[in-house]
Amino acid sequence: MELYIIRHTPVDLEKGTCYGQSDVELIKDFIDYSSYYKNELPSTFDKIISSPLKRCTQLVTELGFNNYETDKRLMEMNFGDWELKKWDDIPMEESENWMTNFDSVSTPNGESMQQLFDRVNSFYQEIKNSPYQKVLLVTHAGPIRCFWKIILAIDLKNTMKIPVDFGEVLVLDTTFETINRKK
């Protein structure tokens, strides 16, 4: 199976805002990205699955894929009490331990990278054993890093070293567990 994985386009928030699972709007010109995606993606898929957050569902609809499902396991990390706060406004004593140990330490009333990985891996194990041959996933940077961890078999802490840009298309071959990046 080929999994085409795309990250939503930029959001309409001030730079430096923590927005995880907050349901925020895309920038007004997100439609400009759609022509890029349309050139990089096949025109048909056996299955299309999106994060239920509107920044992903808006994009999948704009791409003309109206027959899609949503799956909460593809949502971004839950940052709990930090949602919609400026990263610079989160007290150092509150964020320092998480910044050092984000893989195992949860944000206040949120989740850790391990918890995010566990739900994404659950999704991956289920989808890779499905009968579909070509699947489109519309998701976020955190879940995409989890897919990298699965394929590269790297430590969760190292996934944060992998840049995940807006507009990027990843193609994951689940048969050989390889990944290709298009940008």
N, C-alpha and C. Protein backbone atom coordinates (compact mmCIF):
# COMPACT_ATOMS: atom_id res chain seq x y z
N MET A 1 0.83 -1.18 0.00
CA MET A 1 0.00 0.00 0.00
C MET A 1 0.87 1.25 0.00
N GLU A 2 0.38 2.26 -0.68
CA GLU A 2 1.03 3.57 -0.65
C GLU A 2 0.17 4.51 0.21
N LEU A 3 0.81 5.10 1.21
CA LEU A 3 0.16 6.12 2.02
C LEU A 3 0.71 7.47 1.60
N TYR A 4 -0.14 8.34 1.11
CA TYR A 4 0.25 9.72 0.80
C TYR A 4 -0.14 10.53 2.02
N ILE A 5 0.84 11.15 2.66
CA ILE A 5 0.61 11.87 3.91
C ILE A 5 0.95 13.34 3.70
N ILE A 6 -0.04 14.22 3.93
CA ILE A 6 0.21 15.65 3.80
C ILE A 6 -0.14 16.36 5.10
N ARG A 7 0.62 17.42 5.35
CA ARG A 7 0.35 18.27 6.50
C ARG A 7 -0.54 19.42 6.03
N HIS A 8 -1.44 19.84 6.90
CA HIS A 8 -2.28 20.99 6.58
C HIS A 8 -1.42 22.20 6.25
N THR A 9 -2.00 23.18 5.62
CA THR A 9 -1.30 24.42 5.25
C THR A 9 -1.19 25.32 6.48
N PRO A 10 -0.48 26.46 6.40
CA PRO A 10 -0.31 27.34 7.56
C PRO A 10 -1.64 27.81 8.15
N VAL A 11 -1.61 28.03 9.46
CA VAL A 11 -2.82 28.45 10.17
C VAL A 11 -2.82 29.97 10.39
N ASP A 12 -4.01 30.49 10.64
CA ASP A 12 -4.21 31.92 10.83
C ASP A 12 -4.07 32.28 12.32
N LEU A 13 -2.85 32.14 12.81
CA LEU A 13 -2.52 32.48 14.20
C LEU A 13 -1.20 33.22 14.20
N GLU A 14 -1.01 34.02 15.23
CA GLU A 14 0.26 34.70 15.38
C GLU A 14 1.37 33.66 15.56
N LYS A 15 2.49 33.89 14.88
CA LYS A 15 3.63 32.98 14.98
C LYS A 15 4.04 32.83 16.45
N GLY A 16 4.40 31.60 16.82
CA GLY A 16 4.82 31.34 18.19
C GLY A 16 3.70 30.94 19.12
N THR A 17 2.52 30.67 18.55
CA THR A 17 1.38 30.24 19.36
C THR A 17 1.31 28.72 19.37
N CYS A 18 1.10 28.16 20.54
CA CYS A 18 0.93 26.72 20.71
C CYS A 18 -0.53 26.40 20.40
N TYR A 19 -0.78 25.59 19.37
CA TYR A 19 -2.18 25.36 19.02
C TYR A 19 -2.59 23.90 18.92
N GLY A 20 -1.72 22.95 19.00
CA GLY A 20 -2.04 21.52 19.07
C GLY A 20 -3.41 21.11 18.58
N GLN A 21 -4.31 20.78 19.51
CA GLN A 21 -5.64 20.30 19.13
C GLN A 21 -6.69 21.40 19.09
N SER A 22 -6.28 22.65 19.24
CA SER A 22 -7.24 23.74 19.09
C SER A 22 -7.71 23.78 17.64
N ASP A 23 -8.99 24.02 17.45
CA ASP A 23 -9.56 24.00 16.11
C ASP A 23 -9.45 25.39 15.49
N VAL A 24 -8.31 25.67 14.86
CA VAL A 24 -8.02 26.99 14.33
C VAL A 24 -8.19 27.01 12.81
N GLU A 25 -8.33 28.23 12.30
CA GLU A 25 -8.53 28.44 10.86
C GLU A 25 -7.21 28.38 10.10
N LEU A 26 -7.30 28.04 8.83
CA LEU A 26 -6.16 28.13 7.93
C LEU A 26 -5.98 29.58 7.48
N ILE A 27 -4.78 29.93 7.03
CA ILE A 27 -4.59 31.27 6.48
C ILE A 27 -5.52 31.44 5.27
N LYS A 28 -5.84 32.67 4.98
CA LYS A 28 -6.82 32.95 3.92
C LYS A 28 -6.39 32.40 2.55
N ASP A 29 -5.10 32.43 2.26
CA ASP A 29 -4.65 31.98 0.93
C ASP A 29 -4.24 30.50 0.91
N PHE A 30 -4.82 29.69 1.82
CA PHE A 30 -4.49 28.27 1.81
C PHE A 30 -4.88 27.63 0.48
N ILE A 31 -5.80 28.23 -0.22
CA ILE A 31 -6.23 27.71 -1.51
C ILE A 31 -5.07 27.70 -2.51
N ASP A 32 -4.12 28.63 -2.35
CA ASP A 32 -2.96 28.67 -3.24
C ASP A 32 -2.14 27.38 -3.17
N TYR A 33 -2.17 26.72 -2.01
CA TYR A 33 -1.45 25.46 -1.85
C TYR A 33 -2.11 24.32 -2.63
N SER A 34 -3.41 24.44 -2.86
CA SER A 34 -4.13 23.32 -3.45
C SER A 34 -3.61 22.94 -4.83
N SER A 35 -3.16 23.90 -5.62
CA SER A 35 -2.63 23.54 -6.95
C SER A 35 -1.35 22.73 -6.82
N TYR A 36 -0.51 23.06 -5.82
CA TYR A 36 0.70 22.27 -5.59
C TYR A 36 0.33 20.84 -5.24
N TYR A 37 -0.59 20.67 -4.28
CA TYR A 37 -1.00 19.33 -3.88
C TYR A 37 -1.59 18.57 -5.05
N LYS A 38 -2.42 19.25 -5.84
CA LYS A 38 -3.06 18.57 -6.98
C LYS A 38 -2.03 18.07 -7.97
N ASN A 39 -0.90 18.77 -8.11
CA ASN A 39 0.17 18.32 -9.01
C ASN A 39 0.96 17.16 -8.43
N GLU A 40 1.06 17.08 -7.11
CA GLU A 40 1.88 16.07 -6.45
C GLU A 40 1.11 14.80 -6.07
N LEU A 41 -0.20 14.89 -6.01
CA LEU A 41 -1.01 13.76 -5.57
C LEU A 41 -1.71 13.07 -6.73
N PRO A 42 -1.92 11.77 -6.62
CA PRO A 42 -2.76 11.09 -7.62
C PRO A 42 -4.18 11.69 -7.59
N SER A 43 -4.92 11.50 -8.65
CA SER A 43 -6.27 12.07 -8.71
C SER A 43 -7.29 11.21 -7.96
N THR A 44 -6.98 9.95 -7.73
CA THR A 44 -7.91 9.08 -7.01
C THR A 44 -7.19 8.29 -5.93
N PHE A 45 -7.95 7.95 -4.91
CA PHE A 45 -7.46 7.15 -3.79
C PHE A 45 -8.52 6.12 -3.44
N ASP A 46 -8.08 4.99 -2.89
CA ASP A 46 -9.02 3.98 -2.40
C ASP A 46 -9.69 4.45 -1.11
N LYS A 47 -8.96 5.26 -0.34
CA LYS A 47 -9.45 5.72 0.95
C LYS A 47 -8.79 7.05 1.26
N ILE A 48 -9.57 7.96 1.85
CA ILE A 48 -9.05 9.26 2.27
C ILE A 48 -9.46 9.44 3.72
N ILE A 49 -8.45 9.72 4.56
CA ILE A 49 -8.70 9.87 5.99
C ILE A 49 -8.02 11.15 6.46
N SER A 50 -8.76 11.94 7.21
CA SER A 50 -8.27 13.24 7.69
C SER A 50 -8.38 13.32 9.21
N SER A 51 -7.51 14.11 9.79
CA SER A 51 -7.72 14.54 11.17
C SER A 51 -9.06 15.27 11.18
N PRO A 52 -9.84 15.16 12.26
CA PRO A 52 -11.12 15.88 12.29
C PRO A 52 -10.99 17.39 12.52
N LEU A 53 -9.79 17.88 12.81
CA LEU A 53 -9.63 19.32 13.01
C LEU A 53 -9.83 20.05 11.70
N LYS A 54 -10.53 21.20 11.76
CA LYS A 54 -10.95 21.87 10.52
C LYS A 54 -9.80 22.32 9.63
N ARG A 55 -8.61 22.54 10.18
CA ARG A 55 -7.50 22.91 9.31
C ARG A 55 -7.14 21.77 8.36
N CYS A 56 -7.50 20.56 8.69
CA CYS A 56 -7.27 19.41 7.80
C CYS A 56 -8.50 19.16 6.92
N THR A 57 -9.69 19.22 7.51
CA THR A 57 -10.89 18.94 6.73
C THR A 57 -11.14 20.02 5.68
N GLN A 58 -10.79 21.28 5.99
CA GLN A 58 -10.91 22.35 4.99
C GLN A 58 -10.02 22.05 3.79
N LEU A 59 -8.80 21.60 4.07
CA LEU A 59 -7.86 21.32 3.00
C LEU A 59 -8.33 20.15 2.15
N VAL A 60 -8.73 19.06 2.78
CA VAL A 60 -9.14 17.89 2.01
C VAL A 60 -10.37 18.21 1.14
N THR A 61 -11.26 19.04 1.65
CA THR A 61 -12.43 19.45 0.87
C THR A 61 -12.01 20.35 -0.29
N GLU A 62 -11.10 21.28 -0.04
CA GLU A 62 -10.61 22.17 -1.10
C GLU A 62 -9.93 21.37 -2.22
N LEU A 63 -9.30 20.26 -1.86
CA LEU A 63 -8.65 19.43 -2.87
C LEU A 63 -9.65 18.64 -3.70
N GLY A 64 -10.93 18.75 -3.35
CA GLY A 64 -11.98 18.10 -4.14
C GLY A 64 -12.30 16.69 -3.68
N PHE A 65 -11.78 16.30 -2.54
CA PHE A 65 -12.05 14.97 -2.01
C PHE A 65 -13.16 15.07 -0.97
N ASN A 66 -14.39 14.94 -1.41
CA ASN A 66 -15.52 15.09 -0.51
C ASN A 66 -15.90 13.80 0.19
N ASN A 67 -15.42 12.69 -0.33
CA ASN A 67 -15.75 11.39 0.26
C ASN A 67 -14.58 10.94 1.13
N TYR A 68 -14.50 11.49 2.33
CA TYR A 68 -13.40 11.16 3.24
C TYR A 68 -13.96 10.84 4.62
N GLU A 69 -13.14 10.19 5.40
CA GLU A 69 -13.46 9.89 6.79
C GLU A 69 -12.50 10.67 7.68
N THR A 70 -12.87 10.82 8.94
CA THR A 70 -11.95 11.42 9.90
C THR A 70 -11.58 10.37 10.95
N ASP A 71 -10.41 10.55 11.53
CA ASP A 71 -9.94 9.65 12.58
C ASP A 71 -9.21 10.49 13.62
N LYS A 72 -9.66 10.44 14.85
CA LYS A 72 -9.07 11.24 15.93
C LYS A 72 -7.62 10.88 16.20
N ARG A 73 -7.21 9.68 15.83
CA ARG A 73 -5.82 9.28 16.06
C ARG A 73 -4.85 10.09 15.21
N LEU A 74 -5.35 10.78 14.18
CA LEU A 74 -4.51 11.62 13.32
C LEU A 74 -4.44 13.07 13.80
N MET A 75 -5.07 13.36 14.94
CA MET A 75 -5.04 14.72 15.48
C MET A 75 -3.64 15.05 16.01
N GLU A 76 -3.35 16.34 16.07
CA GLU A 76 -2.08 16.81 16.62
C GLU A 76 -2.02 16.50 18.10
N MET A 77 -0.82 16.63 18.68
CA MET A 77 -0.64 16.42 20.11
C MET A 77 -1.53 17.37 20.89
N ASN A 78 -2.08 16.88 21.98
CA ASN A 78 -2.88 17.70 22.87
C ASN A 78 -1.93 18.42 23.84
N PHE A 79 -1.87 19.73 23.74
CA PHE A 79 -1.00 20.51 24.61
C PHE A 79 -1.70 20.99 25.88
N GLY A 80 -2.92 20.52 26.11
CA GLY A 80 -3.61 20.80 27.37
C GLY A 80 -3.70 22.27 27.71
N ASP A 81 -3.20 22.63 28.90
CA ASP A 81 -3.30 24.01 29.40
C ASP A 81 -2.51 25.01 28.54
N TRP A 82 -1.63 24.51 27.71
CA TRP A 82 -0.82 25.41 26.88
C TRP A 82 -1.50 25.79 25.57
N GLU A 83 -2.60 25.16 25.25
CA GLU A 83 -3.29 25.44 23.98
C GLU A 83 -3.61 26.93 23.86
N LEU A 84 -3.26 27.49 22.72
CA LEU A 84 -3.49 28.88 22.33
C LEU A 84 -2.72 29.90 23.16
N LYS A 85 -1.72 29.43 23.91
CA LYS A 85 -0.82 30.35 24.60
C LYS A 85 0.40 30.57 23.72
N LYS A 86 1.01 31.72 23.87
CA LYS A 86 2.28 31.97 23.20
C LYS A 86 3.33 31.12 23.90
N TRP A 87 4.19 30.47 23.12
CA TRP A 87 5.24 29.64 23.72
C TRP A 87 6.07 30.46 24.71
N ASP A 88 6.32 31.72 24.37
CA ASP A 88 7.12 32.58 25.25
C ASP A 88 6.41 32.93 26.55
N ASP A 89 5.09 32.79 26.60
CA ASP A 89 4.33 33.11 27.80
C ASP A 89 4.17 31.93 28.75
N ILE A 90 4.59 30.75 28.33
CA ILE A 90 4.51 29.58 29.20
C ILE A 90 5.69 29.66 30.16
N PRO A 91 5.42 29.68 31.47
CA PRO A 91 6.51 29.83 32.45
C PRO A 91 7.59 28.75 32.28
N MET A 92 8.84 29.17 32.35
CA MET A 92 9.98 28.27 32.17
C MET A 92 9.90 27.06 33.11
N GLU A 93 9.53 27.30 34.37
CA GLU A 93 9.47 26.18 35.32
C GLU A 93 8.40 25.17 34.92
N GLU A 94 7.42 25.60 34.16
CA GLU A 94 6.35 24.72 33.70
C GLU A 94 6.78 23.95 32.45
N SER A 95 7.54 24.59 31.59
CA SER A 95 7.88 23.98 30.30
C SER A 95 9.23 23.27 30.26
N GLU A 96 10.12 23.60 31.16
CA GLU A 96 11.49 23.09 31.09
C GLU A 96 11.56 21.55 31.11
N ASN A 97 10.84 20.93 32.04
CA ASN A 97 10.87 19.47 32.13
C ASN A 97 10.28 18.84 30.87
N TRP A 98 9.19 19.42 30.37
CA TRP A 98 8.58 18.87 29.16
C TRP A 98 9.52 19.04 27.96
N MET A 99 10.15 20.20 27.83
CA MET A 99 11.05 20.44 26.70
C MET A 99 12.19 19.43 26.68
N THR A 100 12.67 19.04 27.85
CA THR A 100 13.76 18.08 27.95
C THR A 100 13.28 16.64 27.77
N ASN A 101 12.06 16.36 28.22
CA ASN A 101 11.54 14.99 28.25
C ASN A 101 10.19 14.86 27.56
N PHE A 102 9.99 15.58 26.46
CA PHE A 102 8.69 15.60 25.78
C PHE A 102 8.23 14.22 25.36
N ASP A 103 9.17 13.30 25.18
CA ASP A 103 8.78 11.96 24.76
C ASP A 103 8.01 11.22 25.85
N SER A 104 8.32 11.47 27.11
CA SER A 104 7.69 10.73 28.20
C SER A 104 6.87 11.59 29.16
N VAL A 105 7.05 12.90 29.11
CA VAL A 105 6.35 13.79 30.04
C VAL A 105 5.21 14.50 29.29
N SER A 106 4.03 14.47 29.91
CA SER A 106 2.86 15.14 29.33
C SER A 106 2.88 16.62 29.66
N THR A 107 2.29 17.42 28.80
CA THR A 107 2.05 18.82 29.13
C THR A 107 0.94 18.84 30.17
N PRO A 108 0.79 19.92 30.95
CA PRO A 108 -0.29 19.97 31.95
C PRO A 108 -1.66 19.75 31.29
N ASN A 109 -2.34 18.70 31.70
CA ASN A 109 -3.64 18.30 31.15
C ASN A 109 -3.60 17.98 29.66
N GLY A 110 -2.41 17.64 29.16
CA GLY A 110 -2.24 17.28 27.76
C GLY A 110 -1.65 15.89 27.63
N GLU A 111 -0.84 15.71 26.61
CA GLU A 111 -0.24 14.39 26.39
C GLU A 111 1.24 14.49 26.07
N SER A 112 1.91 13.37 26.17
CA SER A 112 3.33 13.28 25.83
C SER A 112 3.46 12.81 24.38
N MET A 113 4.67 12.89 23.85
CA MET A 113 4.94 12.38 22.51
C MET A 113 4.68 10.87 22.46
N GLN A 114 4.96 10.16 23.55
CA GLN A 114 4.72 8.71 23.58
C GLN A 114 3.23 8.42 23.42
N GLN A 115 2.39 9.21 24.07
CA GLN A 115 0.94 9.02 23.94
C GLN A 115 0.49 9.31 22.51
N LEU A 116 1.04 10.36 21.92
CA LEU A 116 0.74 10.67 20.52
C LEU A 116 1.19 9.52 19.64
N PHE A 117 2.41 9.05 19.85
CA PHE A 117 2.92 7.94 19.05
C PHE A 117 2.04 6.70 19.18
N ASP A 118 1.62 6.38 20.38
CA ASP A 118 0.80 5.18 20.59
C ASP A 118 -0.47 5.22 19.77
N ARG A 119 -1.14 6.39 19.70
CA ARG A 119 -2.38 6.45 18.91
C ARG A 119 -2.10 6.43 17.42
N VAL A 120 -1.01 7.09 16.98
CA VAL A 120 -0.68 7.07 15.55
C VAL A 120 -0.24 5.67 15.13
N ASN A 121 0.53 5.01 15.96
CA ASN A 121 0.97 3.65 15.65
C ASN A 121 -0.22 2.69 15.60
N SER A 122 -1.19 2.88 16.47
CA SER A 122 -2.41 2.07 16.44
C SER A 122 -3.11 2.25 15.09
N PHE A 123 -3.21 3.51 14.65
CA PHE A 123 -3.81 3.80 13.35
C PHE A 123 -3.01 3.12 12.23
N TYR A 124 -1.69 3.27 12.26
CA TYR A 124 -0.82 2.72 11.21
C TYR A 124 -0.95 1.20 11.13
N GLN A 125 -0.93 0.53 12.26
CA GLN A 125 -1.03 -0.94 12.26
C GLN A 125 -2.35 -1.38 11.65
N GLU A 126 -3.40 -0.64 11.93
CA GLU A 126 -4.72 -0.96 11.39
C GLU A 126 -4.78 -0.71 9.88
N ILE A 127 -4.30 0.44 9.44
CA ILE A 127 -4.42 0.79 8.02
C ILE A 127 -3.50 -0.05 7.14
N LYS A 128 -2.32 -0.39 7.64
CA LYS A 128 -1.39 -1.16 6.80
C LYS A 128 -1.88 -2.58 6.57
N ASN A 129 -2.77 -3.04 7.41
CA ASN A 129 -3.34 -4.39 7.24
C ASN A 129 -4.70 -4.36 6.56
N SER A 130 -5.07 -3.20 6.02
CA SER A 130 -6.35 -3.07 5.32
C SER A 130 -6.16 -3.46 3.85
N PRO A 131 -7.25 -3.62 3.12
CA PRO A 131 -7.14 -4.02 1.71
C PRO A 131 -6.83 -2.88 0.75
N TYR A 132 -6.71 -1.65 1.24
CA TYR A 132 -6.52 -0.50 0.36
C TYR A 132 -5.13 -0.49 -0.25
N GLN A 133 -5.03 0.05 -1.46
CA GLN A 133 -3.75 0.14 -2.15
C GLN A 133 -3.17 1.55 -2.16
N LYS A 134 -4.05 2.55 -2.16
CA LYS A 134 -3.61 3.95 -2.23
C LYS A 134 -4.48 4.77 -1.28
N VAL A 135 -3.84 5.34 -0.24
CA VAL A 135 -4.57 6.04 0.80
C VAL A 135 -3.97 7.43 0.99
N LEU A 136 -4.84 8.43 1.14
CA LEU A 136 -4.41 9.80 1.44
C LEU A 136 -4.73 10.09 2.90
N LEU A 137 -3.73 10.61 3.62
CA LEU A 137 -3.92 11.05 4.99
C LEU A 137 -3.64 12.55 5.05
N VAL A 138 -4.52 13.29 5.69
CA VAL A 138 -4.32 14.73 5.89
C VAL A 138 -4.22 14.93 7.40
N THR A 139 -3.05 15.40 7.85
CA THR A 139 -2.78 15.41 9.28
C THR A 139 -1.87 16.57 9.68
N HIS A 140 -1.09 16.39 10.72
CA HIS A 140 -0.31 17.45 11.36
C HIS A 140 1.15 17.02 11.51
N ALA A 141 1.99 17.96 11.91
CA ALA A 141 3.43 17.69 12.04
C ALA A 141 3.73 16.58 13.06
N GLY A 142 3.07 16.60 14.22
CA GLY A 142 3.33 15.59 15.25
C GLY A 142 3.07 14.17 14.75
N PRO A 143 1.88 13.89 14.22
CA PRO A 143 1.63 12.55 13.68
C PRO A 143 2.58 12.18 12.54
N ILE A 144 2.95 13.15 11.70
CA ILE A 144 3.88 12.84 10.62
C ILE A 144 5.23 12.41 11.19
N ARG A 145 5.68 13.07 12.24
CA ARG A 145 6.94 12.65 12.89
C ARG A 145 6.80 11.23 13.45
N CYS A 146 5.62 10.88 13.91
CA CYS A 146 5.40 9.51 14.39
C CYS A 146 5.52 8.50 13.25
N PHE A 147 5.04 8.85 12.07
CA PHE A 147 5.22 7.96 10.91
C PHE A 147 6.70 7.79 10.60
N TRP A 148 7.46 8.87 10.70
CA TRP A 148 8.92 8.79 10.49
C TRP A 148 9.53 7.84 11.51
N LYS A 149 9.11 7.93 12.75
CA LYS A 149 9.65 7.05 13.80
C LYS A 149 9.37 5.58 13.45
N ILE A 150 8.16 5.30 13.02
CA ILE A 150 7.79 3.93 12.67
C ILE A 150 8.70 3.39 11.56
N ILE A 151 8.86 4.16 10.50
CA ILE A 151 9.61 3.69 9.34
C ILE A 151 11.11 3.65 9.59
N LEU A 152 11.62 4.67 10.25
CA LEU A 152 13.07 4.73 10.48
C LEU A 152 13.51 4.01 11.76
N ALA A 153 12.54 3.59 12.58
CA ALA A 153 12.83 2.92 13.85
C ALA A 153 13.81 3.74 14.69
N ILE A 154 13.49 5.03 14.82
CA ILE A 154 14.34 5.93 15.60
C ILE A 154 13.68 6.25 16.94
N ASP A 155 14.46 6.79 17.84
CA ASP A 155 13.97 7.20 19.14
C ASP A 155 13.01 8.38 18.97
N LEU A 156 11.98 8.43 19.79
CA LEU A 156 11.01 9.53 19.72
C LEU A 156 11.67 10.90 19.83
N LYS A 157 12.68 11.03 20.68
CA LYS A 157 13.35 12.33 20.83
C LYS A 157 13.96 12.80 19.52
N ASN A 158 14.41 11.87 18.69
CA ASN A 158 15.04 12.24 17.43
C ASN A 158 14.04 12.68 16.37
N THR A 159 12.76 12.40 16.57
CA THR A 159 11.78 12.81 15.57
C THR A 159 11.64 14.32 15.48
N MET A 160 11.95 15.01 16.58
CA MET A 160 11.84 16.47 16.56
C MET A 160 12.94 17.13 15.72
N LYS A 161 13.93 16.35 15.35
CA LYS A 161 15.00 16.86 14.48
C LYS A 161 14.60 16.82 13.01
N ILE A 162 13.49 16.16 12.71
CA ILE A 162 13.02 16.03 11.33
C ILE A 162 12.07 17.18 11.03
N PRO A 163 12.44 18.06 10.10
CA PRO A 163 11.52 19.16 9.77
C PRO A 163 10.30 18.62 9.01
N VAL A 164 9.15 19.14 9.35
CA VAL A 164 7.90 18.78 8.66
C VAL A 164 7.28 20.08 8.21
N ASP A 165 7.42 20.38 6.94
CA ASP A 165 6.97 21.67 6.40
C ASP A 165 5.52 21.63 5.94
N PHE A 166 4.91 22.79 5.92
CA PHE A 166 3.61 22.93 5.29
C PHE A 166 3.82 22.66 3.80
N GLY A 167 2.89 21.99 3.18
CA GLY A 167 2.99 21.74 1.75
C GLY A 167 3.78 20.50 1.38
N GLU A 168 4.26 19.79 2.36
CA GLU A 168 5.06 18.61 2.09
C GLU A 168 4.16 17.39 1.83
N VAL A 169 4.59 16.55 0.91
CA VAL A 169 3.89 15.30 0.62
C VAL A 169 4.85 14.17 0.91
N LEU A 170 4.46 13.27 1.80
CA LEU A 170 5.25 12.08 2.08
C LEU A 170 4.54 10.90 1.45
N VAL A 171 5.30 10.00 0.86
CA VAL A 171 4.73 8.78 0.31
C VAL A 171 5.37 7.62 1.03
N LEU A 172 4.56 6.90 1.78
CA LEU A 172 5.04 5.78 2.57
C LEU A 172 4.58 4.49 1.92
N ASP A 173 5.53 3.61 1.63
CA ASP A 173 5.22 2.30 1.07
C ASP A 173 5.18 1.33 2.25
N THR A 174 4.00 0.86 2.61
CA THR A 174 3.88 0.00 3.79
C THR A 174 4.41 -1.41 3.53
N THR A 175 4.51 -1.81 2.28
CA THR A 175 5.04 -3.13 1.97
C THR A 175 6.51 -3.23 2.33
N PHE A 176 7.27 -2.24 1.92
CA PHE A 176 8.70 -2.26 2.17
C PHE A 176 9.10 -1.32 3.31
N GLU A 177 8.09 -0.64 3.87
CA GLU A 177 8.30 0.34 4.94
C GLU A 177 9.42 1.32 4.57
N THR A 178 9.19 1.98 3.44
CA THR A 178 10.07 3.05 2.99
C THR A 178 9.25 4.33 2.87
N ILE A 179 9.95 5.44 2.85
CA ILE A 179 9.26 6.73 2.79
C ILE A 179 9.97 7.65 1.81
N ASN A 180 9.22 8.44 1.07
CA ASN A 180 9.76 9.37 0.08
C ASN A 180 9.16 10.74 0.38
N ARG A 181 9.98 11.76 0.32
CA ARG A 181 9.54 13.13 0.61
C ARG A 181 9.52 13.93 -0.67
N LYS A 182 8.40 14.64 -0.90
CA LYS A 182 8.27 15.52 -2.07
C LYS A 182 8.06 16.93 -1.57
N LYS A 183 8.77 17.87 -2.14
CA LYS A 183 8.56 19.28 -1.79
C LYS A 183 9.10 20.13 -2.90
